[in-house]
Amino acid sequence: MAQKVQVLLVDDIDDGEATETVTFSLDGVNYEIDLSDEHAAALREAFAPWVGHARRVGGRAGSGRKAAAAPRPAAKSAGGSERDTGEVRTWARENGYTVSDRGRISAEVLQAFDAAH
């Protein structure tokens, strides 16, 4: 037997039908609220005077799903050559350096690796 699941958004202001989820941030805290078109417009209108004078620091306009993160390029040395961090960590351990499995590799280790290669 097939099942069909429906999600009904309820307006957080008046318990009516919500048509969208609005996200916003204030003082470093992110918020979400489900609102009808009317209440969403009222919230945006209330924020408009402050948003008009504010600096945008990130995020994207509008709503939608997050895109998958792009793969990060290999780390580059000061000279611009690419290096495999796994190879650097293996070399460092074999040569008496202490390095973590993740995170930043110290400049000292990178310089020693570059000098040896």
PDB file of N, CA and C in Angstrom:
ATOM      1  N   MET A   1       0.846  -1.173   0.000  1.00  0.00           N
ATOM      2  CA  MET A   1       0.000   0.000   0.000  1.00  0.00           C
ATOM      3  C   MET A   1       0.893   1.237   0.000  1.00  0.00           C
ATOM      4  N   ALA A   2       0.559   2.213  -0.785  1.00  0.00           N
ATOM      5  CA  ALA A   2       1.317   3.463  -0.871  1.00  0.00           C
ATOM      6  C   ALA A   2       0.864   4.419   0.219  1.00  0.00           C
ATOM      7  N   GLN A   3       1.803   5.245   0.636  1.00  0.00           N
ATOM      8  CA  GLN A   3       1.483   6.268   1.622  1.00  0.00           C
ATOM      9  C   GLN A   3       1.767   7.628   1.014  1.00  0.00           C
ATOM     10  N   LYS A   4       0.966   8.585   1.366  1.00  0.00           N
ATOM     11  CA  LYS A   4       1.174   9.961   0.940  1.00  0.00           C
ATOM     12  C   LYS A   4       1.224  10.807   2.203  1.00  0.00           C
ATOM     13  N   VAL A   5       2.337  11.526   2.384  1.00  0.00           N
ATOM     14  CA  VAL A   5       2.505  12.363   3.565  1.00  0.00           C
ATOM     15  C   VAL A   5       2.424  13.816   3.125  1.00  0.00           C
ATOM     16  N   GLN A   6       1.586  14.578   3.778  1.00  0.00           N
ATOM     17  CA  GLN A   6       1.458  15.997   3.482  1.00  0.00           C
ATOM     18  C   GLN A   6       1.947  16.801   4.670  1.00  0.00           C
ATOM     19  N   VAL A   7       2.652  17.877   4.363  1.00  0.00           N
ATOM     20  CA  VAL A   7       3.096  18.792   5.408  1.00  0.00           C
ATOM     21  C   VAL A   7       2.307  20.079   5.233  1.00  0.00           C
ATOM     22  N   LEU A   8       1.620  20.470   6.266  1.00  0.00           N
ATOM     23  CA  LEU A   8       0.826  21.689   6.238  1.00  0.00           C
ATOM     24  C   LEU A   8       1.537  22.724   7.095  1.00  0.00           C
ATOM     25  N   LEU A   9       1.949  23.815   6.471  1.00  0.00           N
ATOM     26  CA  LEU A   9       2.589  24.893   7.231  1.00  0.00           C
ATOM     27  C   LEU A   9       1.513  25.730   7.900  1.00  0.00           C
ATOM     28  N   VAL A  10       1.721  26.010   9.170  1.00  0.00           N
ATOM     29  CA  VAL A  10       0.777  26.812   9.947  1.00  0.00           C
ATOM     30  C   VAL A  10       1.454  28.125  10.296  1.00  0.00           C
ATOM     31  N   ASP A  11       0.772  29.222  10.028  1.00  0.00           N
ATOM     32  CA  ASP A  11       1.304  30.554  10.322  1.00  0.00           C
ATOM     33  C   ASP A  11       1.570  30.667  11.823  1.00  0.00           C
ATOM     34  N   ASP A  12       2.804  31.025  12.160  1.00  0.00           N
ATOM     35  CA  ASP A  12       3.186  31.112  13.573  1.00  0.00           C
ATOM     36  C   ASP A  12       2.552  32.299  14.294  1.00  0.00           C
ATOM     37  N   ILE A  13       1.944  33.217  13.565  1.00  0.00           N
ATOM     38  CA  ILE A  13       1.317  34.388  14.180  1.00  0.00           C
ATOM     39  C   ILE A  13      -0.142  34.119  14.542  1.00  0.00           C
ATOM     40  N   ASP A  14      -0.911  33.580  13.576  1.00  0.00           N
ATOM     41  CA  ASP A  14      -2.354  33.442  13.822  1.00  0.00           C
ATOM     42  C   ASP A  14      -2.906  32.028  13.602  1.00  0.00           C
ATOM     43  N   ASP A  15      -2.038  31.041  13.447  1.00  0.00           N
ATOM     44  CA  ASP A  15      -2.437  29.645  13.233  1.00  0.00           C
ATOM     45  C   ASP A  15      -3.209  29.413  11.940  1.00  0.00           C
ATOM     46  N   GLY A  16      -3.205  30.387  11.029  1.00  0.00           N
ATOM     47  CA  GLY A  16      -3.797  30.185   9.712  1.00  0.00           C
ATOM     48  C   GLY A  16      -2.821  29.416   8.828  1.00  0.00           C
ATOM     49  N   GLU A  17      -3.150  29.320   7.540  1.00  0.00           N
ATOM     50  CA  GLU A  17      -2.278  28.608   6.613  1.00  0.00           C
ATOM     51  C   GLU A  17      -1.058  29.462   6.269  1.00  0.00           C
ATOM     52  N   ALA A  18       0.109  28.884   6.404  1.00  0.00           N
ATOM     53  CA  ALA A  18       1.354  29.576   6.043  1.00  0.00           C
ATOM     54  C   ALA A  18       1.716  29.194   4.616  1.00  0.00           C
ATOM     55  N   THR A  19       2.303  30.127   3.900  1.00  0.00           N
ATOM     56  CA  THR A  19       2.693  29.865   2.517  1.00  0.00           C
ATOM     57  C   THR A  19       4.200  29.845   2.326  1.00  0.00           C
ATOM     58  N   GLU A  20       4.962  30.274   3.340  1.00  0.00           N
ATOM     59  CA  GLU A  20       6.417  30.264   3.212  1.00  0.00           C
ATOM     60  C   GLU A  20       7.077  30.273   4.588  1.00  0.00           C
ATOM     61  N   THR A  21       8.322  29.849   4.582  1.00  0.00           N
ATOM     62  CA  THR A  21       9.154  29.922   5.778  1.00  0.00           C
ATOM     63  C   THR A  21      10.148  31.050   5.560  1.00  0.00           C
ATOM     64  N   VAL A  22      10.129  32.037   6.432  1.00  0.00           N
ATOM     65  CA  VAL A  22      11.022  33.192   6.325  1.00  0.00           C
ATOM     66  C   VAL A  22      12.166  32.994   7.312  1.00  0.00           C
ATOM     67  N   THR A  23      13.383  33.201   6.840  1.00  0.00           N
ATOM     68  CA  THR A  23      14.547  33.112   7.724  1.00  0.00           C
ATOM     69  C   THR A  23      15.163  34.495   7.872  1.00  0.00           C
ATOM     70  N   PHE A  24      15.671  34.778   9.065  1.00  0.00           N
ATOM     71  CA  PHE A  24      16.364  36.044   9.303  1.00  0.00           C
ATOM     72  C   PHE A  24      17.315  35.858  10.467  1.00  0.00           C
ATOM     73  N   SER A  25      18.239  36.790  10.614  1.00  0.00           N
ATOM     74  CA  SER A  25      19.224  36.732  11.700  1.00  0.00           C
ATOM     75  C   SER A  25      19.260  38.067  12.415  1.00  0.00           C
ATOM     76  N   LEU A  26      19.505  38.010  13.717  1.00  0.00           N
ATOM     77  CA  LEU A  26      19.637  39.216  14.518  1.00  0.00           C
ATOM     78  C   LEU A  26      20.569  38.906  15.682  1.00  0.00           C
ATOM     79  N   ASP A  27      21.557  39.732  15.875  1.00  0.00           N
ATOM     80  CA  ASP A  27      22.521  39.568  16.967  1.00  0.00           C
ATOM     81  C   ASP A  27      23.184  38.188  16.958  1.00  0.00           C
ATOM     82  N   GLY A  28      23.477  37.703  15.755  1.00  0.00           N
ATOM     83  CA  GLY A  28      24.177  36.432  15.626  1.00  0.00           C
ATOM     84  C   GLY A  28      23.310  35.197  15.785  1.00  0.00           C
ATOM     85  N   VAL A  29      22.008  35.369  15.906  1.00  0.00           N
ATOM     86  CA  VAL A  29      21.093  34.239  16.061  1.00  0.00           C
ATOM     87  C   VAL A  29      20.232  34.135  14.809  1.00  0.00           C
ATOM     88  N   ASN A  30      20.138  32.931  14.236  1.00  0.00           N
ATOM     89  CA  ASN A  30      19.314  32.693  13.052  1.00  0.00           C
ATOM     90  C   ASN A  30      17.918  32.261  13.483  1.00  0.00           C
ATOM     91  N   TYR A  31      16.912  32.781  12.794  1.00  0.00           N
ATOM     92  CA  TYR A  31      15.523  32.467  13.109  1.00  0.00           C
ATOM     93  C   TYR A  31      14.805  31.989  11.855  1.00  0.00           C
ATOM     94  N   GLU A  32      13.774  31.166  12.041  1.00  0.00           N
ATOM     95  CA  GLU A  32      12.853  30.756  10.989  1.00  0.00           C
ATOM     96  C   GLU A  32      11.451  30.946  11.521  1.00  0.00           C
ATOM     97  N   ILE A  33      10.566  31.415  10.644  1.00  0.00           N
ATOM     98  CA  ILE A  33       9.172  31.567  11.042  1.00  0.00           C
ATOM     99  C   ILE A  33       8.301  31.250   9.831  1.00  0.00           C
ATOM    100  N   ASP A  34       7.240  30.473  10.039  1.00  0.00           N
ATOM    101  CA  ASP A  34       6.302  30.131   8.980  1.00  0.00           C
ATOM    102  C   ASP A  34       5.212  31.191   8.960  1.00  0.00           C
ATOM    103  N   LEU A  35       4.999  31.779   7.771  1.00  0.00           N
ATOM    104  CA  LEU A  35       4.067  32.899   7.661  1.00  0.00           C
ATOM    105  C   LEU A  35       3.214  32.807   6.404  1.00  0.00           C
ATOM    106  N   SER A  36       2.052  33.455   6.462  1.00  0.00           N
ATOM    107  CA  SER A  36       1.221  33.639   5.276  1.00  0.00           C
ATOM    108  C   SER A  36       1.867  34.725   4.419  1.00  0.00           C
ATOM    109  N   ASP A  37       1.398  34.877   3.197  1.00  0.00           N
ATOM    110  CA  ASP A  37       1.930  35.938   2.332  1.00  0.00           C
ATOM    111  C   ASP A  37       1.790  37.305   2.997  1.00  0.00           C
ATOM    112  N   GLU A  38       0.645  37.539   3.625  1.00  0.00           N
ATOM    113  CA  GLU A  38       0.374  38.829   4.272  1.00  0.00           C
ATOM    114  C   GLU A  38       1.351  39.096   5.423  1.00  0.00           C
ATOM    115  N   HIS A  39       1.552  38.111   6.278  1.00  0.00           N
ATOM    116  CA  HIS A  39       2.456  38.304   7.417  1.00  0.00           C
ATOM    117  C   HIS A  39       3.918  38.384   6.976  1.00  0.00           C
ATOM    118  N   ALA A  40       4.290  37.621   5.937  1.00  0.00           N
ATOM    119  CA  ALA A  40       5.660  37.691   5.422  1.00  0.00           C
ATOM    120  C   ALA A  40       5.940  39.081   4.859  1.00  0.00           C
ATOM    121  N   ALA A  41       4.967  39.641   4.144  1.00  0.00           N
ATOM    122  CA  ALA A  41       5.129  40.993   3.600  1.00  0.00           C
ATOM    123  C   ALA A  41       5.237  42.014   4.727  1.00  0.00           C
ATOM    124  N   ALA A  42       4.448  41.837   5.789  1.00  0.00           N
ATOM    125  CA  ALA A  42       4.495  42.762   6.925  1.00  0.00           C
ATOM    126  C   ALA A  42       5.855  42.696   7.622  1.00  0.00           C
ATOM    127  N   LEU A  43       6.408  41.491   7.770  1.00  0.00           N
ATOM    128  CA  LEU A  43       7.727  41.352   8.394  1.00  0.00           C
ATOM    129  C   LEU A  43       8.793  42.034   7.543  1.00  0.00           C
ATOM    130  N   ARG A  44       8.754  41.787   6.236  1.00  0.00           N
ATOM    131  CA  ARG A  44       9.741  42.420   5.347  1.00  0.00           C
ATOM    132  C   ARG A  44       9.596  43.944   5.360  1.00  0.00           C
ATOM    133  N   GLU A  45       8.374  44.416   5.418  1.00  0.00           N
ATOM    134  CA  GLU A  45       8.137  45.864   5.477  1.00  0.00           C
ATOM    135  C   GLU A  45       8.675  46.448   6.785  1.00  0.00           C
ATOM    136  N   ALA A  46       8.507  45.717   7.887  1.00  0.00           N
ATOM    137  CA  ALA A  46       9.001  46.190   9.183  1.00  0.00           C
ATOM    138  C   ALA A  46      10.529  46.262   9.195  1.00  0.00           C
ATOM    139  N   PHE A  47      11.192  45.305   8.541  1.00  0.00           N
ATOM    140  CA  PHE A  47      12.655  45.300   8.487  1.00  0.00           C
ATOM    141  C   PHE A  47      13.213  46.291   7.461  1.00  0.00           C
ATOM    142  N   ALA A  48      12.415  46.689   6.490  1.00  0.00           N
ATOM    143  CA  ALA A  48      12.890  47.486   5.357  1.00  0.00           C
ATOM    144  C   ALA A  48      13.693  48.730   5.740  1.00  0.00           C
ATOM    145  N   PRO A  49      13.271  49.548   6.715  1.00  0.00           N
ATOM    146  CA  PRO A  49      14.065  50.741   7.038  1.00  0.00           C
ATOM    147  C   PRO A  49      15.481  50.402   7.511  1.00  0.00           C
ATOM    148  N   TRP A  50      15.628  49.326   8.249  1.00  0.00           N
ATOM    149  CA  TRP A  50      16.957  48.944   8.749  1.00  0.00           C
ATOM    150  C   TRP A  50      17.773  48.253   7.661  1.00  0.00           C
ATOM    151  N   VAL A  51      17.134  47.378   6.896  1.00  0.00           N
ATOM    152  CA  VAL A  51      17.832  46.678   5.816  1.00  0.00           C
ATOM    153  C   VAL A  51      18.349  47.680   4.787  1.00  0.00           C
ATOM    154  N   GLY A  52      17.574  48.725   4.547  1.00  0.00           N
ATOM    155  CA  GLY A  52      17.974  49.742   3.575  1.00  0.00           C
ATOM    156  C   GLY A  52      19.248  50.477   3.948  1.00  0.00           C
ATOM    157  N   HIS A  53      19.588  50.513   5.217  1.00  0.00           N
ATOM    158  CA  HIS A  53      20.789  51.212   5.684  1.00  0.00           C
ATOM    159  C   HIS A  53      21.898  50.255   6.116  1.00  0.00           C
ATOM    160  N   ALA A  54      21.629  48.970   6.062  1.00  0.00           N
ATOM    161  CA  ALA A  54      22.589  47.971   6.556  1.00  0.00           C
ATOM    162  C   ALA A  54      23.566  47.541   5.464  1.00  0.00           C
ATOM    163  N   ARG A  55      24.667  46.920   5.891  1.00  0.00           N
ATOM    164  CA  ARG A  55      25.633  46.316   4.977  1.00  0.00           C
ATOM    165  C   ARG A  55      25.307  44.835   4.878  1.00  0.00           C
ATOM    166  N   ARG A  56      25.293  44.325   3.679  1.00  0.00           N
ATOM    167  CA  ARG A  56      25.073  42.891   3.485  1.00  0.00           C
ATOM    168  C   ARG A  56      26.398  42.172   3.727  1.00  0.00           C
ATOM    169  N   VAL A  57      26.376  41.129   4.543  1.00  0.00           N
ATOM    170  CA  VAL A  57      27.618  40.434   4.877  1.00  0.00           C
ATOM    171  C   VAL A  57      27.634  38.985   4.400  1.00  0.00           C
ATOM    172  N   GLY A  58      26.646  38.536   3.724  1.00  0.00           N
ATOM    173  CA  GLY A  58      26.657  37.166   3.219  1.00  0.00           C
ATOM    174  C   GLY A  58      25.266  36.694   2.922  1.00  0.00           C
ATOM    175  N   GLY A  59      25.169  35.436   2.635  1.00  0.00           N
ATOM    176  CA  GLY A  59      23.880  34.856   2.327  1.00  0.00           C
ATOM    177  C   GLY A  59      23.493  35.125   0.896  1.00  0.00           C
ATOM    178  N   ARG A  60      22.302  34.729   0.558  1.00  0.00           N
ATOM    179  CA  ARG A  60      21.826  34.922  -0.803  1.00  0.00           C
ATOM    180  C   ARG A  60      20.418  35.494  -0.751  1.00  0.00           C
ATOM    181  N   ALA A  61      20.072  36.252  -1.741  1.00  0.00           N
ATOM    182  CA  ALA A  61      18.736  36.827  -1.800  1.00  0.00           C
ATOM    183  C   ALA A  61      17.738  35.730  -2.136  1.00  0.00           C
ATOM    184  N   GLY A  62      16.547  35.820  -1.613  1.00  0.00           N
ATOM    185  CA  GLY A  62      15.514  34.852  -1.915  1.00  0.00           C
ATOM    186  C   GLY A  62      15.674  33.574  -1.125  1.00  0.00           C
ATOM    187  N   SER A  63      14.916  32.572  -1.517  1.00  0.00           N
ATOM    188  CA  SER A  63      14.972  31.298  -0.808  1.00  0.00           C
ATOM    189  C   SER A  63      15.314  30.197  -1.785  1.00  0.00           C
ATOM    190  N   GLY A  64      15.481  29.030  -1.282  1.00  0.00           N
ATOM    191  CA  GLY A  64      15.798  27.881  -2.119  1.00  0.00           C
ATOM    192  C   GLY A  64      16.694  26.929  -1.373  1.00  0.00           C
ATOM    193  N   ARG A  65      16.896  25.782  -1.962  1.00  0.00           N
ATOM    194  CA  ARG A  65      17.749  24.777  -1.332  1.00  0.00           C
ATOM    195  C   ARG A  65      19.205  25.161  -1.482  1.00  0.00           C
ATOM    196  N   LYS A  66      20.006  24.683  -0.542  1.00  0.00           N
ATOM    197  CA  LYS A  66      21.438  24.936  -0.610  1.00  0.00           C
ATOM    198  C   LYS A  66      22.041  24.090  -1.713  1.00  0.00           C
ATOM    199  N   ALA A  67      22.943  24.690  -2.466  1.00  0.00           N
ATOM    200  CA  ALA A  67      23.669  23.936  -3.480  1.00  0.00           C
ATOM    201  C   ALA A  67      24.778  23.152  -2.798  1.00  0.00           C
ATOM    202  N   ALA A  68      25.176  22.066  -3.420  1.00  0.00           N
ATOM    203  CA  ALA A  68      26.282  21.280  -2.865  1.00  0.00           C
ATOM    204  C   ALA A  68      27.549  22.120  -2.887  1.00  0.00           C
ATOM    205  N   ALA A  69      28.348  21.972  -1.863  1.00  0.00           N
ATOM    206  CA  ALA A  69      29.592  22.736  -1.778  1.00  0.00           C
ATOM    207  C   ALA A  69      30.546  22.295  -2.874  1.00  0.00           C
ATOM    208  N   ALA A  70      31.246  23.255  -3.459  1.00  0.00           N
ATOM    209  CA  ALA A  70      32.230  22.949  -4.488  1.00  0.00           C
ATOM    210  C   ALA A  70      33.447  22.310  -3.840  1.00  0.00           C
ATOM    211  N   PRO A  71      34.082  21.373  -4.535  1.00  0.00           N
ATOM    212  CA  PRO A  71      35.281  20.773  -3.956  1.00  0.00           C
ATOM    213  C   PRO A  71      36.375  21.809  -3.789  1.00  0.00           C
ATOM    214  N   ARG A  72      37.134  21.692  -2.700  1.00  0.00           N
ATOM    215  CA  ARG A  72      38.200  22.648  -2.424  1.00  0.00           C
ATOM    216  C   ARG A  72      39.445  22.248  -3.187  1.00  0.00           C
ATOM    217  N   PRO A  73      40.167  23.225  -3.738  1.00  0.00           N
ATOM    218  CA  PRO A  73      41.405  22.897  -4.435  1.00  0.00           C
ATOM    219  C   PRO A  73      42.477  22.455  -3.449  1.00  0.00           C
ATOM    220  N   ALA A  74      43.510  21.793  -3.978  1.00  0.00           N
ATOM    221  CA  ALA A  74      44.625  21.365  -3.131  1.00  0.00           C
ATOM    222  C   ALA A  74      45.316  22.582  -2.551  1.00  0.00           C
ATOM    223  N   ALA A  75      45.913  22.416  -1.378  1.00  0.00           N
ATOM    224  CA  ALA A  75      46.627  23.515  -0.727  1.00  0.00           C
ATOM    225  C   ALA A  75      47.801  23.944  -1.582  1.00  0.00           C
ATOM    226  N   LYS A  76      48.123  25.222  -1.554  1.00  0.00           N
ATOM    227  CA  LYS A  76      49.246  25.742  -2.326  1.00  0.00           C
ATOM    228  C   LYS A  76      50.269  26.339  -1.389  1.00  0.00           C
ATOM    229  N   SER A  77      51.514  26.166  -1.751  1.00  0.00           N
ATOM    230  CA  SER A  77      52.580  26.770  -0.957  1.00  0.00           C
ATOM    231  C   SER A  77      52.709  28.230  -1.331  1.00  0.00           C
ATOM    232  N   ALA A  78      53.549  28.952  -0.616  1.00  0.00           N
ATOM    233  CA  ALA A  78      53.757  30.368  -0.902  1.00  0.00           C
ATOM    234  C   ALA A  78      54.222  30.562  -2.336  1.00  0.00           C
ATOM    235  N   GLY A  79      54.949  29.595  -2.864  1.00  0.00           N
ATOM    236  CA  GLY A  79      55.433  29.674  -4.240  1.00  0.00           C
ATOM    237  C   GLY A  79      54.365  29.350  -5.259  1.00  0.00           C
ATOM    238  N   GLY A  80      53.216  28.866  -4.817  1.00  0.00           N
ATOM    239  CA  GLY A  80      52.105  28.616  -5.718  1.00  0.00           C
ATOM    240  C   GLY A  80      51.970  27.165  -6.160  1.00  0.00           C
ATOM    241  N   SER A  81      52.891  26.270  -5.791  1.00  0.00           N
ATOM    242  CA  SER A  81      52.790  24.882  -6.223  1.00  0.00           C
ATOM    243  C   SER A  81      51.788  24.140  -5.341  1.00  0.00           C
ATOM    244  N   GLU A  82      51.028  23.230  -5.974  1.00  0.00           N
ATOM    245  CA  GLU A  82      50.044  22.467  -5.214  1.00  0.00           C
ATOM    246  C   GLU A  82      50.737  21.341  -4.460  1.00  0.00           C
ATOM    247  N   ARG A  83      50.185  21.011  -3.305  1.00  0.00           N
ATOM    248  CA  ARG A  83      50.726  19.885  -2.540  1.00  0.00           C
ATOM    249  C   ARG A  83      49.573  19.118  -1.914  1.00  0.00           C
ATOM    250  N   ASP A  84      49.749  17.830  -1.784  1.00  0.00           N
ATOM    251  CA  ASP A  84      48.758  16.948  -1.189  1.00  0.00           C
ATOM    252  C   ASP A  84      48.972  16.952   0.323  1.00  0.00           C
ATOM    253  N   THR A  85      47.974  17.430   1.077  1.00  0.00           N
ATOM    254  CA  THR A  85      48.151  17.530   2.529  1.00  0.00           C
ATOM    255  C   THR A  85      48.341  16.162   3.174  1.00  0.00           C
ATOM    256  N   GLY A  86      47.733  15.125   2.593  1.00  0.00           N
ATOM    257  CA  GLY A  86      47.953  13.780   3.118  1.00  0.00           C
ATOM    258  C   GLY A  86      49.410  13.371   2.977  1.00  0.00           C
ATOM    259  N   GLU A  87      50.002  13.711   1.844  1.00  0.00           N
ATOM    260  CA  GLU A  87      51.419  13.416   1.614  1.00  0.00           C
ATOM    261  C   GLU A  87      52.294  14.206   2.586  1.00  0.00           C
ATOM    262  N   VAL A  88      51.931  15.475   2.817  1.00  0.00           N
ATOM    263  CA  VAL A  88      52.693  16.306   3.755  1.00  0.00           C
ATOM    264  C   VAL A  88      52.632  15.700   5.154  1.00  0.00           C
ATOM    265  N   ARG A  89      51.445  15.289   5.595  1.00  0.00           N
ATOM    266  CA  ARG A  89      51.293  14.715   6.938  1.00  0.00           C
ATOM    267  C   ARG A  89      52.103  13.420   7.082  1.00  0.00           C
ATOM    268  N   THR A  90      52.031  12.566   6.066  1.00  0.00           N
ATOM    269  CA  THR A  90      52.800  11.316   6.111  1.00  0.00           C
ATOM    270  C   THR A  90      54.291  11.608   6.193  1.00  0.00           C
ATOM    271  N   TRP A  91      54.771  12.510   5.335  1.00  0.00           N
ATOM    272  CA  TRP A  91      56.191  12.877   5.340  1.00  0.00           C
ATOM    273  C   TRP A  91      56.586  13.449   6.707  1.00  0.00           C
ATOM    274  N   ALA A  92      55.728  14.328   7.254  1.00  0.00           N
ATOM    275  CA  ALA A  92      56.043  14.973   8.531  1.00  0.00           C
ATOM    276  C   ALA A  92      56.179  13.933   9.643  1.00  0.00           C
ATOM    277  N   ARG A  93      55.261  12.980   9.705  1.00  0.00           N
ATOM    278  CA  ARG A  93      55.327  11.943  10.748  1.00  0.00           C
ATOM    279  C   ARG A  93      56.580  11.083  10.590  1.00  0.00           C
ATOM    280  N   GLU A  94      56.911  10.763   9.332  1.00  0.00           N
ATOM    281  CA  GLU A  94      58.106   9.949   9.073  1.00  0.00           C
ATOM    282  C   GLU A  94      59.394  10.689   9.419  1.00  0.00           C
ATOM    283  N   ASN A  95      59.305  12.018   9.503  1.00  0.00           N
ATOM    284  CA  ASN A  95      60.486  12.827   9.778  1.00  0.00           C
ATOM    285  C   ASN A  95      60.444  13.481  11.157  1.00  0.00           C
ATOM    286  N   GLY A  96      59.644  12.909  12.060  1.00  0.00           N
ATOM    287  CA  GLY A  96      59.669  13.331  13.452  1.00  0.00           C
ATOM    288  C   GLY A  96      58.804  14.518  13.824  1.00  0.00           C
ATOM    289  N   TYR A  97      57.975  15.003  12.921  1.00  0.00           N
ATOM    290  CA  TYR A  97      57.082  16.118  13.242  1.00  0.00           C
ATOM    291  C   TYR A  97      55.760  15.568  13.787  1.00  0.00           C
ATOM    292  N   THR A  98      55.125  16.323  14.661  1.00  0.00           N
ATOM    293  CA  THR A  98      53.810  15.959  15.170  1.00  0.00           C
ATOM    294  C   THR A  98      52.774  16.782  14.417  1.00  0.00           C
ATOM    295  N   VAL A  99      51.870  16.095  13.722  1.00  0.00           N
ATOM    296  CA  VAL A  99      50.803  16.780  12.981  1.00  0.00           C
ATOM    297  C   VAL A  99      49.481  16.076  13.265  1.00  0.00           C
ATOM    298  N   SER A 100      48.405  16.840  13.252  1.00  0.00           N
ATOM    299  CA  SER A 100      47.075  16.271  13.487  1.00  0.00           C
ATOM    300  C   SER A 100      46.560  15.633  12.197  1.00  0.00           C
ATOM    301  N   ASP A 101      45.510  14.836  12.323  1.00  0.00           N
ATOM    302  CA  ASP A 101      44.912  14.194  11.152  1.00  0.00           C
ATOM    303  C   ASP A 101      44.125  15.181  10.301  1.00  0.00           C
ATOM    304  N   ARG A 102      43.678  16.272  10.918  1.00  0.00           N
ATOM    305  CA  ARG A 102      42.885  17.284  10.210  1.00  0.00           C
ATOM    306  C   ARG A 102      43.351  18.661  10.619  1.00  0.00           C
ATOM    307  N   GLY A 103      42.925  19.650   9.880  1.00  0.00           N
ATOM    308  CA  GLY A 103      43.227  21.030  10.247  1.00  0.00           C
ATOM    309  C   GLY A 103      44.476  21.561   9.581  1.00  0.00           C
ATOM    310  N   ARG A 104      44.867  22.729  10.015  1.00  0.00           N
ATOM    311  CA  ARG A 104      45.992  23.441   9.433  1.00  0.00           C
ATOM    312  C   ARG A 104      47.309  22.760   9.767  1.00  0.00           C
ATOM    313  N   ILE A 105      48.187  22.747   8.781  1.00  0.00           N
ATOM    314  CA  ILE A 105      49.544  22.233   8.973  1.00  0.00           C
ATOM    315  C   ILE A 105      50.431  23.444   9.230  1.00  0.00           C
ATOM    316  N   SER A 106      51.281  23.360  10.240  1.00  0.00           N
ATOM    317  CA  SER A 106      52.095  24.516  10.627  1.00  0.00           C
ATOM    318  C   SER A 106      53.034  24.937   9.503  1.00  0.00           C
ATOM    319  N   ALA A 107      53.369  26.226   9.499  1.00  0.00           N
ATOM    320  CA  ALA A 107      54.284  26.776   8.499  1.00  0.00           C
ATOM    321  C   ALA A 107      55.642  26.094   8.580  1.00  0.00           C
ATOM    322  N   GLU A 108      56.065  25.767   9.790  1.00  0.00           N
ATOM    323  CA  GLU A 108      57.359  25.093   9.981  1.00  0.00           C
ATOM    324  C   GLU A 108      57.390  23.764   9.226  1.00  0.00           C
ATOM    325  N   VAL A 109      56.327  22.974   9.352  1.00  0.00           N
ATOM    326  CA  VAL A 109      56.261  21.678   8.679  1.00  0.00           C
ATOM    327  C   VAL A 109      56.197  21.874   7.167  1.00  0.00           C
ATOM    328  N   LEU A 110      55.397  22.823   6.713  1.00  0.00           N
ATOM    329  CA  LEU A 110      55.282  23.075   5.277  1.00  0.00           C
ATOM    330  C   LEU A 110      56.613  23.515   4.679  1.00  0.00           C
ATOM    331  N   GLN A 111      57.322  24.380   5.377  1.00  0.00           N
ATOM    332  CA  GLN A 111      58.625  24.840   4.885  1.00  0.00           C
ATOM    333  C   GLN A 111      59.615  23.683   4.822  1.00  0.00           C
ATOM    334  N   ALA A 112      59.621  22.823   5.839  1.00  0.00           N
ATOM    335  CA  ALA A 112      60.523  21.671   5.847  1.00  0.00           C
ATOM    336  C   ALA A 112      60.168  20.712   4.710  1.00  0.00           C
ATOM    337  N   PHE A 113      58.881  20.490   4.489  1.00  0.00           N
ATOM    338  CA  PHE A 113      58.433  19.621   3.400  1.00  0.00           C
ATOM    339  C   PHE A 113      58.879  20.190   2.058  1.00  0.00           C
ATOM    340  N   ASP A 114      58.644  21.495   1.853  1.00  0.00           N
ATOM    341  CA  ASP A 114      59.038  22.129   0.591  1.00  0.00           C
ATOM    342  C   ASP A 114      60.545  22.041   0.372  1.00  0.00           C
ATOM    343  N   ALA A 115      61.312  22.230   1.436  1.00  0.00           N
ATOM    344  CA  ALA A 115      62.771  22.181   1.322  1.00  0.00           C
ATOM    345  C   ALA A 115      63.246  20.775   0.956  1.00  0.00           C
ATOM    346  N   ALA A 116      62.522  19.760   1.429  1.00  0.00           N
ATOM    347  CA  ALA A 116      62.910  18.380   1.161  1.00  0.00           C
ATOM    348  C   ALA A 116      62.452  17.894  -0.215  1.00  0.00           C
ATOM    349  N   HIS A 117      61.584  18.628  -0.850  1.00  0.00           N
ATOM    350  CA  HIS A 117      61.049  18.172  -2.148  1.00  0.00           C
ATOM    351  C   HIS A 117      61.378  19.118  -3.245  1.00  0.00           C
TER     352      HIS A 117
END
